[in-house]
């Protein structure tokens, strides 16, 4: 697992992080990990699969429609494009 070193952190910030960690019943390191996870991977980020499923439901696409598309699709591999 990667490690990160943070230099130049003020005493006040470190103290605030320790207090937050104590409030959440975890170590300072675990608190910093949680803060970084929340900042880098917000819960409200767009999830492509979820968005596509919602769009399919909104237009009324069903499993039967997908089956019909699968049956109509040509099984031959696609020909590569030639750019000349």
PDB file of N, CA and C in Angstrom:
ATOM      1  N   UNK A   1       0.850  -1.172   0.000  1.00  0.00           N
ATOM      2  CA  UNK A   1       0.000   0.000   0.000  1.00  0.00           C
ATOM      3  C   UNK A   1       0.893   1.231   0.000  1.00  0.00           C
ATOM      4  N   UNK A   2       0.573   2.247  -0.803  1.00  0.00           N
ATOM      5  CA  UNK A   2       1.384   3.455  -0.864  1.00  0.00           C
ATOM      6  C   UNK A   2       1.379   4.219   0.463  1.00  0.00           C
ATOM      7  N   UNK A   3       2.434   4.959   0.695  1.00  0.00           N
ATOM      8  CA  UNK A   3       2.528   5.805   1.886  1.00  0.00           C
ATOM      9  C   UNK A   3       2.754   7.242   1.433  1.00  0.00           C
ATOM     10  N   UNK A   4       2.232   8.182   2.203  1.00  0.00           N
ATOM     11  CA  UNK A   4       2.374   9.600   1.896  1.00  0.00           C
ATOM     12  C   UNK A   4       2.931  10.296   3.132  1.00  0.00           C
ATOM     13  N   UNK A   5       3.904  11.160   2.939  1.00  0.00           N
ATOM     14  CA  UNK A   5       4.448  11.976   4.017  1.00  0.00           C
ATOM     15  C   UNK A   5       4.028  13.414   3.782  1.00  0.00           C
ATOM     16  N   UNK A   6       3.503  14.046   4.814  1.00  0.00           N
ATOM     17  CA  UNK A   6       3.081  15.438   4.705  1.00  0.00           C
ATOM     18  C   UNK A   6       4.023  16.277   5.567  1.00  0.00           C
ATOM     19  N   UNK A   7       4.794  17.119   4.914  1.00  0.00           N
ATOM     20  CA  UNK A   7       5.744  17.979   5.621  1.00  0.00           C
ATOM     21  C   UNK A   7       5.142  19.374   5.798  1.00  0.00           C
ATOM     22  N   UNK A   8       5.588  20.044   6.818  1.00  0.00           N
ATOM     23  CA  UNK A   8       5.192  21.440   7.018  1.00  0.00           C
ATOM     24  C   UNK A   8       3.785  21.617   7.549  1.00  0.00           C
ATOM     25  N   UNK A   9       3.205  20.583   8.133  1.00  0.00           N
ATOM     26  CA  UNK A   9       1.861  20.683   8.703  1.00  0.00           C
ATOM     27  C   UNK A   9       1.953  21.501   9.986  1.00  0.00           C
ATOM     28  N   UNK A  10       1.116  22.497  10.110  1.00  0.00           N
ATOM     29  CA  UNK A  10       1.183  23.353  11.305  1.00  0.00           C
ATOM     30  C   UNK A  10       0.735  22.575  12.542  1.00  0.00           C
ATOM     31  N   UNK A  11       1.221  23.022  13.688  1.00  0.00           N
ATOM     32  CA  UNK A  11       0.835  22.394  14.952  1.00  0.00           C
ATOM     33  C   UNK A  11      -0.669  22.496  15.176  1.00  0.00           C
ATOM     34  N   UNK A  12      -1.244  23.618  14.764  1.00  0.00           N
ATOM     35  CA  UNK A  12      -2.692  23.814  14.947  1.00  0.00           C
ATOM     36  C   UNK A  12      -3.496  22.816  14.113  1.00  0.00           C
ATOM     37  N   UNK A  13      -3.057  22.586  12.880  1.00  0.00           N
ATOM     38  CA  UNK A  13      -3.749  21.627  12.016  1.00  0.00           C
ATOM     39  C   UNK A  13      -3.600  20.220  12.568  1.00  0.00           C
ATOM     40  N   UNK A  14      -2.408  19.884  13.013  1.00  0.00           N
ATOM     41  CA  UNK A  14      -2.192  18.546  13.582  1.00  0.00           C
ATOM     42  C   UNK A  14      -3.052  18.343  14.824  1.00  0.00           C
ATOM     43  N   UNK A  15      -3.126  19.362  15.665  1.00  0.00           N
ATOM     44  CA  UNK A  15      -3.956  19.285  16.864  1.00  0.00           C
ATOM     45  C   UNK A  15      -5.429  19.116  16.482  1.00  0.00           C
ATOM     46  N   UNK A  16      -5.876  19.865  15.464  1.00  0.00           N
ATOM     47  CA  UNK A  16      -7.273  19.754  15.016  1.00  0.00           C
ATOM     48  C   UNK A  16      -7.564  18.363  14.465  1.00  0.00           C
ATOM     49  N   UNK A  17      -6.607  17.791  13.738  1.00  0.00           N
ATOM     50  CA  UNK A  17      -6.777  16.434  13.214  1.00  0.00           C
ATOM     51  C   UNK A  17      -6.863  15.415  14.340  1.00  0.00           C
ATOM     52  N   UNK A  18      -6.033  15.602  15.373  1.00  0.00           N
ATOM     53  CA  UNK A  18      -6.075  14.681  16.523  1.00  0.00           C
ATOM     54  C   UNK A  18      -7.424  14.772  17.235  1.00  0.00           C
ATOM     55  N   UNK A  19      -7.953  15.992  17.358  1.00  0.00           N
ATOM     56  CA  UNK A  19      -9.260  16.161  17.999  1.00  0.00           C
ATOM     57  C   UNK A  19     -10.371  15.515  17.175  1.00  0.00           C
ATOM     58  N   UNK A  20     -10.334  15.718  15.852  1.00  0.00           N
ATOM     59  CA  UNK A  20     -11.335  15.074  14.982  1.00  0.00           C
ATOM     60  C   UNK A  20     -11.255  13.561  15.101  1.00  0.00           C
ATOM     61  N   UNK A  21     -10.033  13.048  15.122  1.00  0.00           N
ATOM     62  CA  UNK A  21      -9.847  11.601  15.234  1.00  0.00           C
ATOM     63  C   UNK A  21     -10.440  11.082  16.537  1.00  0.00           C
ATOM     64  N   UNK A  22     -10.204  11.797  17.618  1.00  0.00           N
ATOM     65  CA  UNK A  22     -10.746  11.380  18.915  1.00  0.00           C
ATOM     66  C   UNK A  22     -12.273  11.412  18.899  1.00  0.00           C
ATOM     67  N   UNK A  23     -12.852  12.411  18.252  1.00  0.00           N
ATOM     68  CA  UNK A  23     -14.311  12.503  18.166  1.00  0.00           C
ATOM     69  C   UNK A  23     -14.899  11.336  17.379  1.00  0.00           C
ATOM     70  N   UNK A  24     -14.150  10.826  16.388  1.00  0.00           N
ATOM     71  CA  UNK A  24     -14.623   9.714  15.562  1.00  0.00           C
ATOM     72  C   UNK A  24     -14.096   8.363  16.045  1.00  0.00           C
ATOM     73  N   UNK A  25     -13.461   8.358  17.219  1.00  0.00           N
ATOM     74  CA  UNK A  25     -12.929   7.122  17.819  1.00  0.00           C
ATOM     75  C   UNK A  25     -11.990   6.369  16.885  1.00  0.00           C
ATOM     76  N   UNK A  26     -11.044   7.084  16.294  1.00  0.00           N
ATOM     77  CA  UNK A  26     -10.048   6.450  15.450  1.00  0.00           C
ATOM     78  C   UNK A  26      -8.716   7.172  15.603  1.00  0.00           C
ATOM     79  N   UNK A  27      -7.685   6.560  15.062  1.00  0.00           N
ATOM     80  CA  UNK A  27      -6.358   7.154  15.145  1.00  0.00           C
ATOM     81  C   UNK A  27      -6.271   8.374  14.235  1.00  0.00           C
ATOM     82  N   UNK A  28      -5.246   9.195  14.480  1.00  0.00           N
ATOM     83  CA  UNK A  28      -5.040  10.363  13.630  1.00  0.00           C
ATOM     84  C   UNK A  28      -4.792   9.924  12.194  1.00  0.00           C
ATOM     85  N   UNK A  29      -4.010   8.871  12.027  1.00  0.00           N
ATOM     86  CA  UNK A  29      -3.738   8.360  10.676  1.00  0.00           C
ATOM     87  C   UNK A  29      -5.021   7.902   9.990  1.00  0.00           C
ATOM     88  N   UNK A  30      -5.889   7.189  10.716  1.00  0.00           N
ATOM     89  CA  UNK A  30      -7.162   6.740  10.132  1.00  0.00           C
ATOM     90  C   UNK A  30      -8.051   7.932   9.793  1.00  0.00           C
ATOM     91  N   UNK A  31      -8.007   8.974  10.621  1.00  0.00           N
ATOM     92  CA  UNK A  31      -8.806  10.176  10.354  1.00  0.00           C
ATOM     93  C   UNK A  31      -8.327  10.867   9.084  1.00  0.00           C
ATOM     94  N   UNK A  32      -7.011  10.983   8.919  1.00  0.00           N
ATOM     95  CA  UNK A  32      -6.458  11.610   7.720  1.00  0.00           C
ATOM     96  C   UNK A  32      -6.814  10.794   6.487  1.00  0.00           C
ATOM     97  N   UNK A  33      -6.753   9.451   6.601  1.00  0.00           N
ATOM     98  CA  UNK A  33      -7.149   8.583   5.477  1.00  0.00           C
ATOM     99  C   UNK A  33      -8.603   8.824   5.101  1.00  0.00           C
ATOM    100  N   UNK A  34      -9.473   8.917   6.099  1.00  0.00           N
ATOM    101  CA  UNK A  34     -10.902   9.138   5.835  1.00  0.00           C
ATOM    102  C   UNK A  34     -11.132  10.485   5.157  1.00  0.00           C
ATOM    103  N   UNK A  35     -10.433  11.516   5.620  1.00  0.00           N
ATOM    104  CA  UNK A  35     -10.570  12.851   5.025  1.00  0.00           C
ATOM    105  C   UNK A  35     -10.113  12.827   3.569  1.00  0.00           C
ATOM    106  N   UNK A  36      -8.967  12.189   3.310  1.00  0.00           N
ATOM    107  CA  UNK A  36      -8.463  12.122   1.938  1.00  0.00           C
ATOM    108  C   UNK A  36      -9.388  11.303   1.039  1.00  0.00           C
ATOM    109  N   UNK A  37      -9.907  10.181   1.551  1.00  0.00           N
ATOM    110  CA  UNK A  37     -10.845   9.367   0.764  1.00  0.00           C
ATOM    111  C   UNK A  37     -12.087  10.173   0.393  1.00  0.00           C
ATOM    112  N   UNK A  38     -12.646  10.897   1.364  1.00  0.00           N
ATOM    113  CA  UNK A  38     -13.853  11.697   1.106  1.00  0.00           C
ATOM    114  C   UNK A  38     -13.581  12.802   0.089  1.00  0.00           C
ATOM    115  N   UNK A  39     -12.386  13.395   0.165  1.00  0.00           N
ATOM    116  CA  UNK A  39     -12.053  14.489  -0.749  1.00  0.00           C
ATOM    117  C   UNK A  39     -11.770  13.981  -2.158  1.00  0.00           C
ATOM    118  N   UNK A  40     -11.075  12.850  -2.259  1.00  0.00           N
ATOM    119  CA  UNK A  40     -10.667  12.344  -3.571  1.00  0.00           C
ATOM    120  C   UNK A  40     -11.759  11.526  -4.251  1.00  0.00           C
ATOM    121  N   UNK A  41     -12.619  10.899  -3.468  1.00  0.00           N
ATOM    122  CA  UNK A  41     -13.674  10.055  -4.030  1.00  0.00           C
ATOM    123  C   UNK A  41     -15.011  10.417  -3.402  1.00  0.00           C
ATOM    124  N   UNK A  42     -15.579  11.572  -3.772  1.00  0.00           N
ATOM    125  CA  UNK A  42     -16.841  11.999  -3.158  1.00  0.00           C
ATOM    126  C   UNK A  42     -17.983  11.041  -3.477  1.00  0.00           C
ATOM    127  N   UNK A  43     -18.907  10.939  -2.556  1.00  0.00           N
ATOM    128  CA  UNK A  43     -20.047  10.020  -2.712  1.00  0.00           C
ATOM    129  C   UNK A  43     -20.949  10.435  -3.873  1.00  0.00           C
ATOM    130  N   UNK A  44     -20.956  11.717  -4.221  1.00  0.00           N
ATOM    131  CA  UNK A  44     -21.850  12.213  -5.265  1.00  0.00           C
ATOM    132  C   UNK A  44     -21.242  12.158  -6.658  1.00  0.00           C
ATOM    133  N   UNK A  45     -20.096  11.461  -6.800  1.00  0.00           N
ATOM    134  CA  UNK A  45     -19.471  11.399  -8.123  1.00  0.00           C
ATOM    135  C   UNK A  45     -20.345  10.580  -9.075  1.00  0.00           C
ATOM    136  N   UNK A  46     -20.208  10.870 -10.356  1.00  0.00           N
ATOM    137  CA  UNK A  46     -20.981  10.172 -11.372  1.00  0.00           C
ATOM    138  C   UNK A  46     -20.470   8.740 -11.520  1.00  0.00           C
ATOM    139  N   UNK A  47     -21.350   7.804 -11.429  1.00  0.00           N
ATOM    140  CA  UNK A  47     -21.017   6.405 -11.636  1.00  0.00           C
ATOM    141  C   UNK A  47     -21.678   5.989 -12.945  1.00  0.00           C
ATOM    142  N   UNK A  48     -20.864   5.659 -13.937  1.00  0.00           N
ATOM    143  CA  UNK A  48     -21.346   5.431 -15.291  1.00  0.00           C
ATOM    144  C   UNK A  48     -22.396   4.322 -15.353  1.00  0.00           C
ATOM    145  N   UNK A  49     -22.142   3.195 -14.715  1.00  0.00           N
ATOM    146  CA  UNK A  49     -23.093   2.084 -14.749  1.00  0.00           C
ATOM    147  C   UNK A  49     -24.442   2.475 -14.162  1.00  0.00           C
ATOM    148  N   UNK A  50     -24.413   3.179 -13.060  1.00  0.00           N
ATOM    149  CA  UNK A  50     -25.646   3.625 -12.415  1.00  0.00           C
ATOM    150  C   UNK A  50     -26.395   4.604 -13.318  1.00  0.00           C
ATOM    151  N   UNK A  51     -25.653   5.508 -13.957  1.00  0.00           N
ATOM    152  CA  UNK A  51     -26.284   6.484 -14.851  1.00  0.00           C
ATOM    153  C   UNK A  51     -26.923   5.800 -16.053  1.00  0.00           C
ATOM    154  N   UNK A  52     -26.219   4.822 -16.643  1.00  0.00           N
ATOM    155  CA  UNK A  52     -26.777   4.111 -17.798  1.00  0.00           C
ATOM    156  C   UNK A  52     -28.010   3.299 -17.418  1.00  0.00           C
ATOM    157  N   UNK A  53     -27.983   2.657 -16.261  1.00  0.00           N
ATOM    158  CA  UNK A  53     -29.146   1.889 -15.808  1.00  0.00           C
ATOM    159  C   UNK A  53     -30.345   2.809 -15.591  1.00  0.00           C
ATOM    160  N   UNK A  54     -30.111   3.988 -15.015  1.00  0.00           N
ATOM    161  CA  UNK A  54     -31.199   4.937 -14.784  1.00  0.00           C
ATOM    162  C   UNK A  54     -31.775   5.435 -16.109  1.00  0.00           C
ATOM    163  N   UNK A  55     -30.899   5.702 -17.091  1.00  0.00           N
ATOM    164  CA  UNK A  55     -31.378   6.139 -18.405  1.00  0.00           C
ATOM    165  C   UNK A  55     -32.214   5.044 -19.065  1.00  0.00           C
ATOM    166  N   UNK A  56     -31.768   3.801 -18.957  1.00  0.00           N
ATOM    167  CA  UNK A  56     -32.504   2.679 -19.549  1.00  0.00           C
ATOM    168  C   UNK A  56     -33.881   2.540 -18.919  1.00  0.00           C
ATOM    169  N   UNK A  57     -33.933   2.677 -17.598  1.00  0.00           N
ATOM    170  CA  UNK A  57     -35.230   2.592 -16.916  1.00  0.00           C
ATOM    171  C   UNK A  57     -36.134   3.748 -17.341  1.00  0.00           C
ATOM    172  N   UNK A  58     -35.548   4.938 -17.491  1.00  0.00           N
ATOM    173  CA  UNK A  58     -36.338   6.122 -17.841  1.00  0.00           C
ATOM    174  C   UNK A  58     -36.988   5.991 -19.212  1.00  0.00           C
ATOM    175  N   UNK A  59     -36.319   5.319 -20.157  1.00  0.00           N
ATOM    176  CA  UNK A  59     -36.903   5.167 -21.493  1.00  0.00           C
ATOM    177  C   UNK A  59     -37.679   3.866 -21.634  1.00  0.00           C
ATOM    178  N   UNK A  60     -37.715   3.070 -20.553  1.00  0.00           N
ATOM    179  CA  UNK A  60     -38.514   1.853 -20.564  1.00  0.00           C
ATOM    180  C   UNK A  60     -37.837   0.658 -21.208  1.00  0.00           C
ATOM    181  N   UNK A  61     -36.516   0.653 -21.283  1.00  0.00           N
ATOM    182  CA  UNK A  61     -35.784  -0.472 -21.861  1.00  0.00           C
ATOM    183  C   UNK A  61     -35.899  -1.674 -20.927  1.00  0.00           C
ATOM    184  N   UNK A  62     -36.201  -2.833 -21.490  1.00  0.00           N
ATOM    185  CA  UNK A  62     -36.379  -4.035 -20.671  1.00  0.00           C
ATOM    186  C   UNK A  62     -35.379  -5.113 -21.099  1.00  0.00           C
ATOM    187  N   UNK A  63     -35.342  -6.191 -20.331  1.00  0.00           N
ATOM    188  CA  UNK A  63     -34.483  -7.324 -20.677  1.00  0.00           C
ATOM    189  C   UNK A  63     -34.875  -7.918 -22.023  1.00  0.00           C
ATOM    190  N   UNK A  64     -36.166  -7.889 -22.349  1.00  0.00           N
ATOM    191  CA  UNK A  64     -36.624  -8.410 -23.640  1.00  0.00           C
ATOM    192  C   UNK A  64     -36.046  -7.581 -24.787  1.00  0.00           C
ATOM    193  N   UNK A  65     -35.952  -6.278 -24.592  1.00  0.00           N
ATOM    194  CA  UNK A  65     -35.353  -5.413 -25.612  1.00  0.00           C
ATOM    195  C   UNK A  65     -33.881  -5.757 -25.822  1.00  0.00           C
ATOM    196  N   UNK A  66     -33.175  -5.996 -24.749  1.00  0.00           N
ATOM    197  CA  UNK A  66     -31.755  -6.358 -24.834  1.00  0.00           C
ATOM    198  C   UNK A  66     -31.601  -7.699 -25.547  1.00  0.00           C
ATOM    199  N   UNK A  67     -32.463  -8.662 -25.213  1.00  0.00           N
ATOM    200  CA  UNK A  67     -32.419  -9.967 -25.878  1.00  0.00           C
ATOM    201  C   UNK A  67     -32.650  -9.822 -27.382  1.00  0.00           C
ATOM    202  N   UNK A  68     -33.602  -8.961 -27.768  1.00  0.00           N
ATOM    203  CA  UNK A  68     -33.882  -8.742 -29.190  1.00  0.00           C
ATOM    204  C   UNK A  68     -32.664  -8.130 -29.889  1.00  0.00           C
ATOM    205  N   UNK A  69     -31.992  -7.202 -29.232  1.00  0.00           N
ATOM    206  CA  UNK A  69     -30.791  -6.603 -29.807  1.00  0.00           C
ATOM    207  C   UNK A  69     -29.680  -7.643 -29.969  1.00  0.00           C
ATOM    208  N   UNK A  70     -29.536  -8.502 -28.991  1.00  0.00           N
ATOM    209  CA  UNK A  70     -28.507  -9.549 -29.051  1.00  0.00           C
ATOM    210  C   UNK A  70     -28.774 -10.508 -30.216  1.00  0.00           C
ATOM    211  N   UNK A  71     -30.025 -10.861 -30.433  1.00  0.00           N
ATOM    212  CA  UNK A  71     -30.370 -11.789 -31.513  1.00  0.00           C
ATOM    213  C   UNK A  71     -30.171 -11.148 -32.883  1.00  0.00           C
ATOM    214  N   UNK A  72     -30.405  -9.844 -32.980  1.00  0.00           N
ATOM    215  CA  UNK A  72     -30.290  -9.158 -34.266  1.00  0.00           C
ATOM    216  C   UNK A  72     -28.842  -8.802 -34.614  1.00  0.00           C
ATOM    217  N   UNK A  73     -27.978  -8.828 -33.633  1.00  0.00           N
ATOM    218  CA  UNK A  73     -26.595  -8.416 -33.863  1.00  0.00           C
ATOM    219  C   UNK A  73     -25.845  -9.456 -34.675  1.00  0.00           C
ATOM    220  N   UNK A  74     -25.048  -8.967 -35.601  1.00  0.00           N
ATOM    221  CA  UNK A  74     -24.202  -9.835 -36.416  1.00  0.00           C
ATOM    222  C   UNK A  74     -23.052 -10.333 -35.536  1.00  0.00           C
ATOM    223  N   UNK A  75     -22.803 -11.610 -35.529  1.00  0.00           N
ATOM    224  CA  UNK A  75     -21.766 -12.180 -34.682  1.00  0.00           C
ATOM    225  C   UNK A  75     -20.367 -12.050 -35.238  1.00  0.00           C
ATOM    226  N   UNK A  76     -20.233 -11.557 -36.468  1.00  0.00           N
ATOM    227  CA  UNK A  76     -18.910 -11.434 -37.080  1.00  0.00           C
ATOM    228  C   UNK A  76     -18.132 -10.304 -36.417  1.00  0.00           C
ATOM    229  N   UNK A  77     -16.823 -10.482 -36.273  1.00  0.00           N
ATOM    230  CA  UNK A  77     -16.026  -9.402 -35.680  1.00  0.00           C
ATOM    231  C   UNK A  77     -16.009  -8.176 -36.582  1.00  0.00           C
ATOM    232  N   UNK A  78     -15.879  -7.031 -35.971  1.00  0.00           N
ATOM    233  CA  UNK A  78     -15.847  -5.779 -36.724  1.00  0.00           C
ATOM    234  C   UNK A  78     -14.569  -5.685 -37.532  1.00  0.00           C
ATOM    235  N   UNK A  79     -14.667  -5.077 -38.695  1.00  0.00           N
ATOM    236  CA  UNK A  79     -13.488  -4.851 -39.531  1.00  0.00           C
ATOM    237  C   UNK A  79     -12.760  -3.610 -39.028  1.00  0.00           C
ATOM    238  N   UNK A  80     -11.436  -3.680 -38.958  1.00  0.00           N
ATOM    239  CA  UNK A  80     -10.719  -2.493 -38.485  1.00  0.00           C
ATOM    240  C   UNK A  80     -10.799  -1.359 -39.488  1.00  0.00           C
ATOM    241  N   UNK A  81     -10.784  -0.135 -38.971  1.00  0.00           N
ATOM    242  CA  UNK A  81     -10.803   1.038 -39.844  1.00  0.00           C
ATOM    243  C   UNK A  81      -9.431   1.230 -40.473  1.00  0.00           C
ATOM    244  N   UNK A  82      -9.424   1.679 -41.715  1.00  0.00           N
ATOM    245  CA  UNK A  82      -8.180   1.968 -42.421  1.00  0.00           C
ATOM    246  C   UNK A  82      -8.165   3.450 -42.741  1.00  0.00           C
ATOM    247  N   UNK A  83      -7.171   4.153 -42.238  1.00  0.00           N
ATOM    248  CA  UNK A  83      -7.049   5.588 -42.468  1.00  0.00           C
ATOM    249  C   UNK A  83      -5.939   5.828 -43.465  1.00  0.00           C
ATOM    250  N   UNK A  84      -6.309   6.251 -44.646  1.00  0.00           N
ATOM    251  CA  UNK A  84      -5.300   6.530 -45.685  1.00  0.00           C
ATOM    252  C   UNK A  84      -5.589   7.850 -46.334  1.00  0.00           C
TER     253      UNK A  84
END
